[in-house]
Structures are given as C-alpha cells and as structure tokens.
Amino acid sequence: MNSKVSSPTLLEALSSDFLACKICLEQLHTPKTLPCLHTYCQDCLAQLDIGGQVRCPECREIVPVPAEGVAAFKTNFFVNGLLDLVKARAPGDVHSGKPTCALCPLVGGKSSGGPATARCLDCADDLCQACADGHRCSRQTHKHRVVDLVGYRAGWYDEEARERQASQCPQHPGEALCFLCQPCSQLLCKDCRLGPHIDHPCLPLAEAVRSRKPGLEELLAGVDGNLVELEATRVAEKEALALLREQAASVGTQVEEAVERILKSLLAQKQEVLGQLRALVEAAEEATRERLTKIERQEQVAKAAAAFARRVLSLGLEAEILSLEGAITQRLRQLQDAPWMSGPTRCVLPQLELHPGLEDKNCHLLRLIFEEPKQSPEDGGKGEAGTQGGDEAQGQGEDRTKIGKQGGAQPLTPKEGKVQNPQEDDGVLIERGNRPNKKKKCKGRGKSVSREPSPILRPNLEGSGLLPRPVFSWSFPTRMPGDKRSPRITGLCPYGPQEILVADEQNRVLKRFSLNGDYKGTVPVPEGCSPCSVAALQNAVAFSANAKLYLVSPDGEIQWRRSLSLTQSSHAVAAMPCGDRVAVSVAGHVEVYKKDGSLATRFIPGGKASRGQRALVFLTTSPQGNFVGSDWQQNSVVFCDGLGQVLWEYKGPGLHGCQPGSVSVDKKGYIFLTLREVNKVVILDPKGSLLGDFLTAYHGLEKPRVTTMVDGKYLVVSLSNGTIHVFRVRFPDS
C-alpha cells in the first residue's frame, strides 16, 4: 500500500465542504479551532457550551472552555484566508448585483464606483478599467498584480491571490501579521512588536515557518504511518465482516437443510406411528365384532330355553311338568355345561414413547460454535500448535453436534484452546487460539501501535426473539446525473404509497424515490433555497430552509412561508398524523402550523421551567400525535404530548456518550434512534426503555444521517455518502 498521501489542492479546499460549519451546515463565520483541530463558527460553539465544556460534534472529545469564553479559542487564520478568496468572488454591489470599482468613490468623490473589470491581487480591490490603468502606472502600485475580473471570479488566479494574501492582525485592523513571538507563540504585527513584546525574541514568519515546518512534517509523517495501519486494519475488519457474512449465510443454508431433513424424518415417523395405530384399532374392531356375534347368538338360545322352562314351571300342571322334566333338564344342563365366554377380552392399549432427548430442555438438535479463523501463513504458523492439539483430542467424543460443511450433523470433539464459560449458554463454545502479540513501531512517533486483531465478539443470543429485527429490502444511491455535487441528505419523509421524499441540501433539491430506488423526479423549491428538513402533508410539502418554513404544492408553487428564529442553525420539521398540520422546532420550543399557515399552538417541552434548556435538533411524531425529539442540549431523547408535557426522557448509557440523532416511530410506537458516531440504530419501547440494537455496522451502516418510517413498517436510513438503505421491521408475532 502506498503510504504517501497527496496534498490537497487549493481548488479542492475551496470547492469542498471544508469551509462549511458541521454544526449549522453554513459557511464558517468567525471560525474557531478546537484543540482537536476541528473548526466551527464561534456562535455555534457558544450554543454547545454547557458548564464550561464543549463536546466536539465530530470526534466527541470534551474540551474545556477558556475563562474568556469560546472567543478565546484560536482563530483559524487559514480558514479566514480561504474565506476571503470565496467572498471576493461574490458581487460587490448589493443593489445591482454587479461588481463596482473600490477606488472611484475615494478618488472622484462619487457615491458608488463604476463597473469593475479588473482586480488587484495585492490590494484585494475590484477596479474599473481607468483605475486599473492608473494602478499600473503609480510608483507605489506598479508592481501589483492586476488581473482580469472575469478570470479571477472563475478561479484562474486563486493560487496567485493566495500567495499574496496577508493575515490581518485582530488587534490592529489593516496591519498584517509578520512576526512570531517565540516565548509567547503569538503572531504579531508591527504595532504588536513595539508593544508588550518589544523585549521578546521574535522571528519573521518565513524564518519561523522554516524552523518549525520540519518538526510538523515529521509528526505528520508519523500520523500518515498511523493512517496506513488504520487503513489496513479497516480493510481487514471489512474482510473479516464479509467472511463472517458469507459463513453466516452458508451456515444459515445448512440450518435450513438440516431442519428440513429432520422435519421430513419426523413426518415420516409420524405417519408410521399413526399407521400402526390405525391398523391396531381396525384389527381390534374386527375381532370384537366376531366375538359380539357369537355372544349374541348364545344369549338368544339361553334366553329362549330359560323362558320356556319358566313358563312350564309357572303355568303347567303336575302331569305336564313331570312329562317335560326330562327334556327341560337335559336342555338346561346342556346350556349350563356349554363353553361360555370367560369375560371380555383385554385389548392391548398403545402408549407413546418419546426419545428422552426430545423432552430434555438442555438437548439441542442444532447449535452454533464460534471459532477463530485459522492462522494465515503471514502469521508465521504460530497457531499450528493449537490445531495439532485439537487433532490429537479427536475420539474423545462428547454428546454434542455441529453443522458441518455437508450440512449434516457431525460429532463435535473437544479441541485444545476451547473454553466454555459456565455462565454462558451451554450450546455455544468459543475457541480462543494462541495468537502472537504483534507490535510495529512507526517512524516518527514515540509510541507503539498494536497490530493485534480485535477480540472476537460473542453475539448476544439471549432474548433475541423478543425484539423486532430488520429484514433488508433495498439499497440505492441518490446522486442523479444532473447533480453538481455529492448529495448531502438532511431530510427524509414518506411521500405517497411506497415512496419517499429526499432533501438534498447540497444540490438544493427535493428528490422523489420509490422504496426500491426508482427515481420519480423532484418537487420544485424556490430558487436559492437549500431544503434542510422535510415533511409531507395532504397534497403539500413542508420544508425548512434558511431560517424559514415553506409550504409548497407538489408542483412547487409557494402557498406560504414563515420566518423562524435565527438563533438556531437548522429547524426540524415533522408532519402531524392528521396530515393537515406541520410541527417545527424553533430555538428550543415547538411550533405547530395549520395548513393555511396560521399558528395552531406553541409549547416548550417541559413547560416554561425548561426555557432555554432545550435544543431539539431532530423531531418526529408518533401515530398517537405525541412528539419525539433529540435534545442536544440535554443530550437526551424527549417524549412529550401535544401540550408539551414530558411523558418520559431517556438519558441512559444506551446513547454510548453520543448526541442522539434522527428519530423515527413505527406503527406500534417503537422508537428507532440513530447514533451516527457508533454506526447504530437502537430501539426504545413506547415507554422509553432501551431494548437494544436494531441496526449496526453489520447491516452496512456507515455514518447514518437521517431516517424515516414508511407505512409504519419500513425504516429508511440515509448514509453520509448519499446511499439509502431500506429495512422492513419484522416483529416476532408478525
């Protein structure tokens, strides 16, 4: 892998989002740099100041605020210089929109200058043709670089303009910084040099850079070495994840095949046992019918003889009785001595006998084992001892099975290096091989970076069947052929059946997509608007942009606009379940507007006692009409009703120390919370209890930005690179 990192060009720095504040997403204003080297607007940092500390929104590092406030953080002169180049391209006259000469009002006493056609790179002034010609002929300015204004605004002279820029002293306007005070490490102009620093050793900026640049380059080389190792580790992690997914898919197929075979065998045994039962009953019925016929015949004969003898004895005369005595006696003795049935035949009653393993709760027909992959040849073959020990242990069988590559149940033999935790599920074994501890020292830094692989994580299988699980449906990019920049998705919402509306702030457009990624066109927005958050109403679309709330028709016609507070950099928008009202977060409170543009209600979550203590960056509504918001000031998820009464608020460890991100609610009231820094979407139940992870990096999440719920069952997730993933939420009872 090539360790040399190419330096960024000036054009890349000016055209990328390097000059945009990651908090307000606008161009940096009064840029201040934190010790972690991340730069934000001074006003944006002031909003994040909580108890004298600021948590960096990007790296999550906690930085103490100086006693003088956020204004005491270092001013980023580098960014200021680049911003000056960008601002210089803007039109000079705010009324006409055309650049005007900066010298004409000073020389001729005019109220405004003539049309500018040139620019002096040294003075950073736009000049008309006459002033440009005079500028070249003056003794003081004849060496200045005067260029064509059209070419300058096209960026042809950015490099030259950058070389001639001079950082201005914040204490003495108009004076350039030209010295470095060595004891104070402070940049000075000529006036500062003659002030408190007159006795301090100072160096010209060029000499100071020459003396300090090698040390910075050495440190940078060390960091580049770290980046090479991190890149290799990242690639290895992705490869390991891909291998895991492939193996999981293979094992899943084997599980399906094994279960199918087991079910076929059980069904065959079922048919066999039921057939035996039917044959047994049929044979018993036939034998019983034959015995009943014989018994009934004997019963009739005996009853007839007994009835005749009883009549003779009751009604006959003495002579008649004596004359029939012999015949009656012979018949009754014959019947009495006949082979009568000795009682009912005892049938053999069937009983079901189950295999003991089926009734044993600890018996697992299927189980997983978790093993580390075998050592590669690059590892020096140090893992061979563990493998050999496992081969020697074969034959010491245990009452366990595993799914083999052929899909059948194979006997599982213990191996050296396998350790089973008695507190863990007895159906899971983890193989821990002997892995060498490799450390590599990189040039240019004083510490060692461990190259030992990350420990293998054991999946949490307990209770997994009780949580909703994601079923991947579709994935598609949102960049279209007409886009000039990479998409930056700042808003999502459902838009009609099986369709979503995507707010692409970078390209200033609202895009329509079906859930499977078919591009359906756009909803036009007013010129110059960069839609941030978006919500769909009945036959209308609401979105926030540039501290305003817009309601437009599907063909882009503006129905009304409302100005919002300028103290908040972005405003979250959410549609009410009724479809005729829209809610927007404004400076810590929520405003609800009717479809005609009138204000329906306004409230602060938690009431007036919470005034100034809320900052709802993300907002959504539940099917019951309640509000769910991500509060960056309290670092919590707040759930309140339509009157602002807080029903619950979650600040638990499930946030992983991150600021809560986008929130979505499904049809059952479960809340899906995005944690961008750790690449997760977690689930909270309707009462605010954390249930666990729903999506992780395993599902392809890489810097998730915003989410929305479609039809109450499809979770749509947008990533920072403009890709959209769609997952169906499947509950165990569905």
Foldseek 3Di string as FASTA:
>chain_A
DDLDDDDDDLVCCLPDCVQAAPALRHGADQWFAAPVRHIHHLLSQQLQQDPQWHQPQAPRDIGGADPVGSNPGDGDLVSVLSVLLVVLLFACDPPVRFHFWPCCCVPVVDPTGHGFFKAFLQVSTTHHPVVVVVQCVDPVRVPTDIGTSVCSSVPVCVVVSSVNDFRADPVDGPFGFFKAQVVVRDTDGPVRCPPPVVVTDIDTPVVVCVVCVVLVVLQVSQVSVVVVLVVVLVVVVVVVLVVVVVVVVLVVVLVVVAVVVVVVVVVVVVVVVVVVVVVLVVVVVVVVVVVVVVQVVLVVVVVVLVVVLVCCVVPNDPVSCVVCVVVSVVVVVVSVPDPDDPDDDDRDDDDDDDDVLVVDPLRDPEFDEAEDDDDDVVQVCPQVVQVVQFVVQPPPFDPDWYQDSVSYTDTDTDTPQKDDDPVDRPRYIYGDTDGDWDWDDDRSDDDIDTPDRDDDDDDDPPPPQQFWAWDFDAKDFDDDPPAPDFFFWQEKEADPAQKIWTQGQNRQWIWIAGVRGHTDGTQDEDPPWRFHYWEAAVQWIWTDTPQKIFIAGSNHHTQDMDGADPSRSGKYKEAFLVRQKIWIDGQQKIWIAGNNGHTDDIAHQVGPVCHNQFDFPEWYAANVRWIWTFTQSVLWIFIGHPHNYTQDIDDDCVLVSHRWAAWEAANQGKIWIDNQVQQWTWIAHNNGHTDGTHDHVSNVRHRWHYWYDHPRFWIWIAHRSRMIIIIGTGHSVD
